[in-house]
Protein backbone atom coordinates (compact mmCIF):
# COMPACT_ATOMS: atom_id res chain seq x y z
CA MET A 1 -16.57 -45.32 26.22
CA ALA A 2 -15.24 -47.32 23.71
CA LEU A 3 -16.54 -51.16 23.38
CA GLY A 4 -13.81 -53.04 24.39
CA GLN A 5 -13.03 -51.23 27.24
CA GLU A 6 -16.58 -51.86 28.57
CA TRP A 7 -16.47 -55.35 27.43
CA LEU A 8 -13.77 -55.48 30.26
CA LEU A 9 -15.43 -54.29 32.76
CA LYS A 10 -18.44 -56.15 32.35
CA VAL A 11 -16.00 -59.36 32.61
CA VAL A 12 -14.38 -57.87 35.32
CA LYS A 13 -17.53 -57.44 37.11
CA ASN A 14 -18.76 -60.92 36.30
CA LEU A 15 -15.48 -62.76 37.80
CA LEU A 16 -14.22 -61.01 40.49
CA PRO A 17 -16.88 -58.85 42.45
CA GLU A 18 -16.27 -61.05 46.41
CA ASP A 19 -11.99 -60.67 45.39
CA GLY A 20 -12.84 -56.77 46.05
CA LEU A 21 -10.17 -55.91 43.25
CA LYS A 22 -11.02 -52.61 42.47
CA VAL A 23 -11.02 -51.46 38.35
CA GLU A 24 -9.20 -47.90 38.50
CA LYS A 25 -10.58 -45.66 35.67
CA LEU A 26 -10.34 -46.72 32.14
CA SER A 27 -9.35 -42.92 30.84
CA GLN A 28 -6.99 -42.87 33.07
CA LEU A 29 -4.89 -46.13 33.18
CA LYS A 30 -1.41 -45.70 31.67
CA MET A 31 0.13 -48.33 30.01
CA VAL A 32 2.25 -51.10 32.01
CA LYS A 33 5.52 -52.14 29.59
CA LEU A 34 6.31 -55.70 29.23
CA GLU A 35 9.82 -56.57 30.04
CA SER A 36 11.33 -59.88 29.23
CA LEU A 37 13.29 -62.09 30.63
CA LYS A 38 17.23 -61.69 28.74
CA LYS A 39 19.61 -64.43 30.47
CA SER A 40 19.67 -67.83 30.69
CA ASN A 41 19.88 -67.41 34.75
CA HIS A 42 16.78 -65.67 35.20
CA PHE A 43 14.40 -68.06 33.53
CA LYS A 44 16.34 -70.36 35.43
CA THR A 45 15.71 -68.98 38.45
CA THR A 46 12.29 -67.98 37.62
CA LEU A 47 11.19 -71.49 37.28
CA LYS A 48 12.90 -72.84 40.42
CA GLU A 49 10.36 -70.78 42.70
CA ARG A 50 6.59 -70.74 42.46
CA LYS A 51 4.65 -72.06 39.95
CA THR A 52 0.27 -73.03 38.13
CA HIS A 53 -0.53 -75.45 35.45
CA THR A 54 -3.42 -75.25 33.17
CA ASP A 55 -5.23 -77.14 30.60
CA PHE A 56 -4.39 -73.85 28.34
CA PHE A 57 -0.49 -72.30 29.85
CA SER A 58 1.97 -72.94 32.86
CA ILE A 59 3.26 -69.93 34.96
CA PHE A 60 6.19 -69.82 37.06
CA ALA A 61 6.99 -66.66 39.16
CA ALA A 62 9.57 -65.84 41.34
CA LYS A 63 9.90 -62.27 43.36
CA ASN A 64 11.50 -59.77 41.00
CA THR A 65 15.20 -59.54 42.03
CA ILE A 66 16.75 -58.48 38.79
CA ASN A 67 15.16 -55.29 38.54
CA PRO A 68 13.55 -54.65 41.63
CA LYS A 69 12.91 -50.96 41.36
CA THR A 70 11.08 -51.10 37.45
CA LYS A 71 7.93 -50.27 37.08
CA ASN A 72 7.10 -52.25 33.95
CA LEU A 73 6.08 -55.96 34.64
CA ILE A 74 8.61 -58.74 34.13
CA ILE A 75 7.18 -60.92 32.04
CA SER A 76 8.10 -63.84 29.01
CA PHE A 77 5.62 -65.64 26.91
CA VAL A 78 7.29 -68.91 26.32
CA MET A 79 5.93 -71.91 23.64
CA LYS A 80 7.28 -75.31 22.28
CA LYS A 81 8.19 -76.12 18.75
CA LYS A 82 5.95 -79.12 19.27
CA ILE A 83 3.26 -76.99 19.75
CA GLY A 84 2.96 -76.32 15.74
CA ASN A 85 3.91 -73.79 13.44
CA ALA A 86 4.84 -70.45 14.06
CA VAL A 87 1.51 -68.92 12.81
CA LYS A 88 -0.15 -71.08 15.79
CA ARG A 89 2.94 -70.23 18.08
CA ASN A 90 2.51 -66.99 17.84
CA LYS A 91 -1.13 -66.17 17.51
CA ILE A 92 -1.46 -68.00 21.15
CA ARG A 93 1.84 -65.91 22.76
CA ARG A 94 -0.68 -62.88 21.22
CA LYS A 95 -3.71 -64.03 22.90
CA LEU A 96 -2.09 -64.56 26.15
CA LYS A 97 0.11 -61.59 25.99
CA ALA A 98 -3.75 -59.39 25.26
CA ILE A 99 -5.11 -61.22 29.11
CA VAL A 100 -2.77 -60.03 30.80
CA GLN A 101 -2.82 -56.53 29.48
CA LYS A 102 -6.09 -56.61 30.48
CA LEU A 103 -5.39 -57.64 34.37
CA LEU A 104 -2.87 -55.70 34.31
CA LYS A 105 -5.64 -52.90 34.08
CA ILE A 106 -7.47 -54.63 36.84
CA LYS A 107 -5.66 -53.59 40.61
CA GLY A 108 -4.15 -56.23 42.19
CA ALA A 109 -5.01 -58.63 39.50
CA ILE A 110 -1.25 -58.93 38.59
CA ASN A 111 1.96 -58.75 41.13
CA LYS A 112 4.14 -56.53 39.98
CA ASN A 113 6.56 -57.47 42.47
CA TYR A 114 7.23 -60.64 40.29
CA THR A 115 8.66 -61.78 37.28
CA TYR A 116 6.55 -64.25 35.56
CA ILE A 117 6.95 -67.17 32.64
CA VAL A 118 4.28 -68.21 31.35
CA PHE A 119 4.15 -71.71 29.12
CA GLY A 120 1.82 -71.39 26.25
CA LYS A 121 -0.38 -75.01 25.73
CA THR A 122 -2.17 -75.52 22.90
CA ARG A 123 -5.80 -75.45 23.81
CA SER A 124 -5.12 -72.06 24.41
CA PHE A 125 -5.22 -71.34 20.67
CA SER A 126 -8.54 -72.94 19.98
CA GLU A 127 -9.90 -71.86 23.52
CA LYS A 128 -12.20 -68.50 23.55
CA HIS A 129 -10.82 -65.08 24.93
CA GLU A 130 -13.06 -65.17 27.98
CA LYS A 131 -12.95 -68.24 29.32
CA LEU A 132 -8.32 -68.03 29.26
CA LEU A 133 -8.88 -64.34 30.70
CA GLU A 134 -11.22 -65.88 33.87
CA VAL A 135 -8.63 -68.92 33.87
CA MET A 136 -5.21 -66.83 33.81
CA THR A 137 -6.74 -64.39 36.25
CA LYS A 138 -7.12 -67.13 38.40
CA SER A 139 -3.55 -68.69 38.63
CA PHE A 140 -2.67 -64.99 39.16
CA LYS A 141 -4.24 -64.89 42.19
CA LYS A 142 -2.97 -68.54 43.15
CA ILE A 143 0.24 -67.53 43.02
CA ASP A 144 0.58 -64.41 44.77
CA ASN A 145 -0.99 -66.30 47.66
CA LYS A 146 1.06 -68.44 47.65
């Protein structure tokens, strides 16, 4: 087992032992593709429904009406130009995407029947990966329970 996979199992076991979420065998995982929203009206409908805000990002979610039969996760990562230069915005986007990819390996952590928009904030640039993973796990769980 690779070092990254061992670390993920350790973090998941520490974060959510009581929630009943099961980690699939990492060797048998299939990579779920991330699709992004393309049309303006898809963004508008998603922004009207469920939402949750943290110090590091905001997540908006709506039932997947765009393509309900897809096996991919429809999620877009958005950064405001106020955040900083392109390098900083892209680093935040990559960080958040990596966390979502890790959460997809946890069975039940992200509901694929929803369309998501994640707005990154400046504080996520300097925050540690483990903290962002913990906060994002709680945020997706909160959205799913609404």
